């Protein structure tokens, strides 16, 4: 069952996020089980909402690809994450790719 993963990571800035994104290359080589990714920043730090085919798919991606890049970027601490079953997904016609 697909899940929505929400993440809050205090203190992470856009430069660190971009470094991790470039190192991992998830836009070029999508993670197995990753379906949708959205990220933004507020005064606290990084916020993410993803859709994954399962919680385990995210955890596998995090351990295998994301964690080494996070360490390389010097990001400290750990994110607060939450997983909930996806009820419905809609993507507007014509919306594709990264922005």
N, C-alpha and C. Protein backbone atom coordinates (compact mmCIF):
# COMPACT_ATOMS: atom_id res chain seq x y z
N UNK A 1 0.84 -1.18 0.00
CA UNK A 1 0.00 0.00 0.00
C UNK A 1 0.89 1.25 0.00
N UNK A 2 0.55 2.20 -0.85
CA UNK A 2 1.31 3.44 -0.92
C UNK A 2 1.14 4.24 0.36
N UNK A 3 2.20 4.99 0.70
CA UNK A 3 2.20 5.80 1.91
C UNK A 3 2.64 7.22 1.59
N UNK A 4 2.15 8.15 2.41
CA UNK A 4 2.62 9.53 2.39
C UNK A 4 3.63 9.67 3.52
N UNK A 5 4.81 10.14 3.19
CA UNK A 5 5.85 10.36 4.18
C UNK A 5 6.01 11.87 4.33
N UNK A 6 5.86 12.37 5.55
CA UNK A 6 6.14 13.77 5.81
C UNK A 6 7.37 13.85 6.70
N UNK A 7 8.22 14.81 6.40
CA UNK A 7 9.49 14.95 7.11
C UNK A 7 9.72 16.41 7.48
N UNK A 8 10.21 16.63 8.67
CA UNK A 8 10.68 17.94 9.12
C UNK A 8 12.10 17.74 9.63
N UNK A 9 13.01 18.57 9.13
CA UNK A 9 14.40 18.47 9.56
C UNK A 9 14.91 19.85 9.91
N UNK A 10 14.91 20.16 11.20
CA UNK A 10 15.31 21.47 11.68
C UNK A 10 16.77 21.75 11.33
N UNK A 11 17.02 22.98 10.90
CA UNK A 11 18.38 23.43 10.65
C UNK A 11 18.94 23.12 9.27
N UNK A 12 18.26 22.32 8.48
CA UNK A 12 18.76 22.01 7.13
C UNK A 12 18.42 23.19 6.22
N UNK A 13 19.41 23.62 5.43
CA UNK A 13 19.21 24.78 4.56
C UNK A 13 19.17 24.35 3.09
N UNK A 14 18.75 25.25 2.20
CA UNK A 14 18.64 24.89 0.78
C UNK A 14 19.95 24.42 0.16
N UNK A 15 21.08 24.99 0.57
CA UNK A 15 22.36 24.57 0.00
C UNK A 15 22.67 23.12 0.36
N UNK A 16 22.38 22.74 1.60
CA UNK A 16 22.60 21.35 2.01
C UNK A 16 21.67 20.41 1.26
N UNK A 17 20.41 20.79 1.15
CA UNK A 17 19.45 19.97 0.40
C UNK A 17 19.92 19.77 -1.03
N UNK A 18 20.34 20.87 -1.69
CA UNK A 18 20.81 20.78 -3.08
C UNK A 18 22.04 19.90 -3.20
N UNK A 19 22.94 19.96 -2.22
CA UNK A 19 24.12 19.11 -2.24
C UNK A 19 23.73 17.64 -2.15
N UNK A 20 22.80 17.34 -1.26
CA UNK A 20 22.33 15.95 -1.12
C UNK A 20 21.65 15.50 -2.40
N UNK A 21 20.78 16.34 -2.95
CA UNK A 21 20.08 16.00 -4.20
C UNK A 21 21.07 15.73 -5.32
N UNK A 22 22.08 16.57 -5.47
CA UNK A 22 23.07 16.39 -6.52
C UNK A 22 23.90 15.13 -6.30
N UNK A 23 24.25 14.84 -5.05
CA UNK A 23 25.05 13.65 -4.74
C UNK A 23 24.26 12.38 -5.00
N UNK A 24 23.02 12.35 -4.53
CA UNK A 24 22.20 11.14 -4.69
C UNK A 24 21.71 10.98 -6.12
N UNK A 25 21.36 12.08 -6.77
CA UNK A 25 20.90 12.02 -8.15
C UNK A 25 19.53 11.38 -8.31
N UNK A 26 18.62 11.64 -7.35
CA UNK A 26 17.32 10.97 -7.42
C UNK A 26 16.45 11.45 -8.58
N UNK A 27 16.75 12.63 -9.13
CA UNK A 27 15.98 13.08 -10.29
C UNK A 27 16.47 12.39 -11.57
N UNK A 28 17.73 11.98 -11.58
CA UNK A 28 18.27 11.27 -12.74
C UNK A 28 18.04 9.76 -12.64
N UNK A 29 18.17 9.22 -11.44
CA UNK A 29 17.94 7.80 -11.19
C UNK A 29 16.97 7.71 -10.02
N UNK A 30 15.71 7.59 -10.37
CA UNK A 30 14.66 7.61 -9.34
C UNK A 30 14.82 6.45 -8.37
N UNK A 31 14.54 6.70 -7.11
CA UNK A 31 14.63 5.62 -6.12
C UNK A 31 13.53 4.59 -6.35
N UNK A 32 13.85 3.34 -6.13
CA UNK A 32 12.87 2.27 -6.25
C UNK A 32 11.75 2.53 -5.26
N UNK A 33 10.54 2.61 -5.74
CA UNK A 33 9.39 2.82 -4.87
C UNK A 33 9.03 4.26 -4.61
N UNK A 34 9.86 5.20 -5.04
CA UNK A 34 9.54 6.62 -4.87
C UNK A 34 8.60 7.08 -5.97
N UNK A 35 7.53 7.76 -5.59
CA UNK A 35 6.53 8.17 -6.58
C UNK A 35 6.42 9.68 -6.75
N UNK A 36 6.46 10.43 -5.66
CA UNK A 36 6.32 11.89 -5.71
C UNK A 36 7.20 12.48 -4.60
N UNK A 37 7.84 13.61 -4.90
CA UNK A 37 8.69 14.29 -3.91
C UNK A 37 8.44 15.78 -4.00
N UNK A 38 8.19 16.42 -2.86
CA UNK A 38 8.04 17.87 -2.78
C UNK A 38 8.83 18.34 -1.57
N UNK A 39 9.58 19.43 -1.74
CA UNK A 39 10.40 19.95 -0.64
C UNK A 39 10.30 21.47 -0.62
N UNK A 40 10.36 22.03 0.60
CA UNK A 40 10.37 23.47 0.79
C UNK A 40 11.02 23.78 2.13
N UNK A 41 11.22 25.06 2.37
CA UNK A 41 11.87 25.50 3.61
C UNK A 41 11.01 26.52 4.31
N UNK A 42 11.05 26.49 5.63
CA UNK A 42 10.44 27.53 6.45
C UNK A 42 11.48 27.99 7.46
N UNK A 43 11.08 28.75 8.44
CA UNK A 43 12.05 29.29 9.40
C UNK A 43 12.71 28.21 10.25
N UNK A 44 12.13 27.03 10.30
CA UNK A 44 12.70 25.93 11.08
C UNK A 44 13.70 25.08 10.29
N UNK A 45 13.51 25.00 8.99
CA UNK A 45 14.39 24.16 8.18
C UNK A 45 13.64 23.51 7.04
N UNK A 46 14.03 22.29 6.72
CA UNK A 46 13.52 21.54 5.57
C UNK A 46 12.19 20.88 5.90
N UNK A 47 11.29 20.92 4.94
CA UNK A 47 10.01 20.19 5.00
C UNK A 47 9.90 19.37 3.72
N UNK A 48 9.46 18.13 3.84
CA UNK A 48 9.31 17.24 2.69
C UNK A 48 8.00 16.49 2.81
N UNK A 49 7.34 16.31 1.68
CA UNK A 49 6.22 15.38 1.57
C UNK A 49 6.50 14.51 0.35
N UNK A 50 6.50 13.21 0.56
CA UNK A 50 6.73 12.23 -0.50
C UNK A 50 5.58 11.24 -0.54
N UNK A 51 5.44 10.59 -1.68
CA UNK A 51 4.61 9.40 -1.78
C UNK A 51 5.54 8.26 -2.17
N UNK A 52 5.44 7.17 -1.42
CA UNK A 52 6.25 5.97 -1.63
C UNK A 52 5.35 4.76 -1.76
N UNK A 53 5.81 3.75 -2.48
CA UNK A 53 4.99 2.54 -2.60
C UNK A 53 4.85 1.83 -1.26
N UNK A 54 5.80 2.06 -0.36
CA UNK A 54 5.73 1.49 0.99
C UNK A 54 6.71 2.23 1.90
N UNK A 55 6.49 2.11 3.19
CA UNK A 55 7.43 2.68 4.15
C UNK A 55 8.80 2.03 4.00
N UNK A 56 8.81 0.72 3.76
CA UNK A 56 10.08 0.00 3.61
C UNK A 56 10.87 0.51 2.41
N UNK A 57 10.19 0.87 1.33
CA UNK A 57 10.89 1.40 0.15
C UNK A 57 11.63 2.68 0.52
N UNK A 58 10.99 3.56 1.30
CA UNK A 58 11.67 4.78 1.74
C UNK A 58 12.86 4.44 2.64
N UNK A 59 12.66 3.56 3.59
CA UNK A 59 13.73 3.22 4.53
C UNK A 59 14.93 2.60 3.81
N UNK A 60 14.67 1.80 2.79
CA UNK A 60 15.76 1.22 1.99
C UNK A 60 16.52 2.31 1.25
N UNK A 61 15.79 3.25 0.64
CA UNK A 61 16.42 4.37 -0.06
C UNK A 61 17.23 5.22 0.91
N UNK A 62 16.65 5.51 2.07
CA UNK A 62 17.34 6.33 3.06
C UNK A 62 18.65 5.69 3.47
N UNK A 63 18.61 4.41 3.83
CA UNK A 63 19.82 3.73 4.32
C UNK A 63 20.87 3.57 3.22
N UNK A 64 20.45 3.23 2.03
CA UNK A 64 21.40 2.91 0.98
C UNK A 64 21.94 4.07 0.18
N UNK A 65 21.11 5.07 -0.06
CA UNK A 65 21.53 6.17 -0.93
C UNK A 65 21.54 7.52 -0.22
N UNK A 66 20.55 7.79 0.61
CA UNK A 66 20.40 9.11 1.18
C UNK A 66 21.34 9.36 2.36
N UNK A 67 21.44 8.41 3.27
CA UNK A 67 22.25 8.61 4.49
C UNK A 67 23.71 8.97 4.18
N UNK A 68 24.38 8.28 3.23
CA UNK A 68 25.77 8.67 2.94
C UNK A 68 25.89 10.11 2.42
N UNK A 69 24.92 10.55 1.62
CA UNK A 69 24.97 11.91 1.09
C UNK A 69 24.67 12.94 2.18
N UNK A 70 23.80 12.60 3.10
CA UNK A 70 23.49 13.48 4.23
C UNK A 70 24.75 13.70 5.07
N UNK A 71 25.46 12.63 5.33
CA UNK A 71 26.70 12.73 6.10
C UNK A 71 27.71 13.60 5.36
N UNK A 72 27.85 13.38 4.06
CA UNK A 72 28.80 14.15 3.25
C UNK A 72 28.46 15.65 3.26
N UNK A 73 27.16 15.97 3.31
CA UNK A 73 26.73 17.37 3.31
C UNK A 73 26.86 18.02 4.68
N UNK A 74 27.21 17.24 5.70
CA UNK A 74 27.40 17.80 7.03
C UNK A 74 26.10 18.08 7.77
N UNK A 75 25.04 17.43 7.37
CA UNK A 75 23.75 17.62 8.05
C UNK A 75 23.76 16.82 9.34
N UNK A 76 23.37 17.49 10.42
CA UNK A 76 23.40 16.85 11.73
C UNK A 76 21.99 16.56 12.22
N UNK A 77 21.93 15.72 13.24
CA UNK A 77 20.65 15.38 13.84
C UNK A 77 19.90 14.38 13.00
N UNK A 78 18.63 14.27 13.27
CA UNK A 78 17.78 13.33 12.56
C UNK A 78 16.44 14.00 12.27
N UNK A 79 15.81 13.63 11.16
CA UNK A 79 14.53 14.24 10.84
C UNK A 79 13.40 13.62 11.66
N UNK A 80 12.34 14.39 11.78
CA UNK A 80 11.08 13.84 12.29
C UNK A 80 10.31 13.35 11.07
N UNK A 81 9.95 12.08 11.05
CA UNK A 81 9.21 11.54 9.91
C UNK A 81 7.92 10.89 10.39
N UNK A 82 6.95 10.89 9.48
CA UNK A 82 5.66 10.30 9.77
C UNK A 82 5.17 9.63 8.49
N UNK A 83 4.58 8.46 8.62
CA UNK A 83 4.05 7.71 7.48
C UNK A 83 2.56 7.48 7.70
N UNK A 84 1.78 7.73 6.65
CA UNK A 84 0.34 7.49 6.69
C UNK A 84 -0.08 6.83 5.38
N UNK A 85 -1.07 5.96 5.44
CA UNK A 85 -1.55 5.33 4.19
C UNK A 85 -2.11 6.40 3.24
N UNK A 86 -1.77 6.25 1.98
CA UNK A 86 -2.28 7.17 0.96
C UNK A 86 -3.73 6.80 0.66
N UNK A 87 -4.60 7.78 0.70
CA UNK A 87 -6.01 7.53 0.37
C UNK A 87 -6.27 7.76 -1.12
N UNK A 88 -5.73 8.84 -1.66
CA UNK A 88 -5.95 9.15 -3.06
C UNK A 88 -4.83 10.04 -3.56
N UNK A 89 -4.50 9.86 -4.84
CA UNK A 89 -3.47 10.68 -5.48
C UNK A 89 -4.05 11.23 -6.78
N UNK A 90 -3.78 12.49 -7.04
CA UNK A 90 -4.19 13.14 -8.30
C UNK A 90 -3.03 13.99 -8.77
N UNK A 91 -2.68 13.84 -10.01
CA UNK A 91 -1.66 14.69 -10.64
C UNK A 91 -2.32 15.32 -11.86
N UNK A 92 -2.33 16.63 -11.89
CA UNK A 92 -3.02 17.35 -12.96
C UNK A 92 -2.43 17.00 -14.33
N UNK A 93 -3.28 16.88 -15.34
CA UNK A 93 -2.78 16.60 -16.69
C UNK A 93 -1.73 17.63 -17.11
N UNK A 94 -0.68 17.17 -17.71
CA UNK A 94 0.36 18.04 -18.20
C UNK A 94 1.46 18.35 -17.19
N UNK A 95 1.29 17.96 -15.93
CA UNK A 95 2.31 18.19 -14.92
C UNK A 95 3.29 17.04 -14.97
N UNK A 96 4.54 17.33 -15.28
CA UNK A 96 5.58 16.31 -15.35
C UNK A 96 6.90 16.90 -14.88
N UNK A 97 7.84 16.04 -14.57
CA UNK A 97 9.20 16.44 -14.30
C UNK A 97 9.41 17.26 -13.05
N UNK A 98 10.66 17.66 -12.87
CA UNK A 98 11.07 18.43 -11.71
C UNK A 98 10.91 19.91 -11.97
N UNK A 99 10.73 20.65 -10.90
CA UNK A 99 10.62 22.11 -11.04
C UNK A 99 11.64 22.77 -10.15
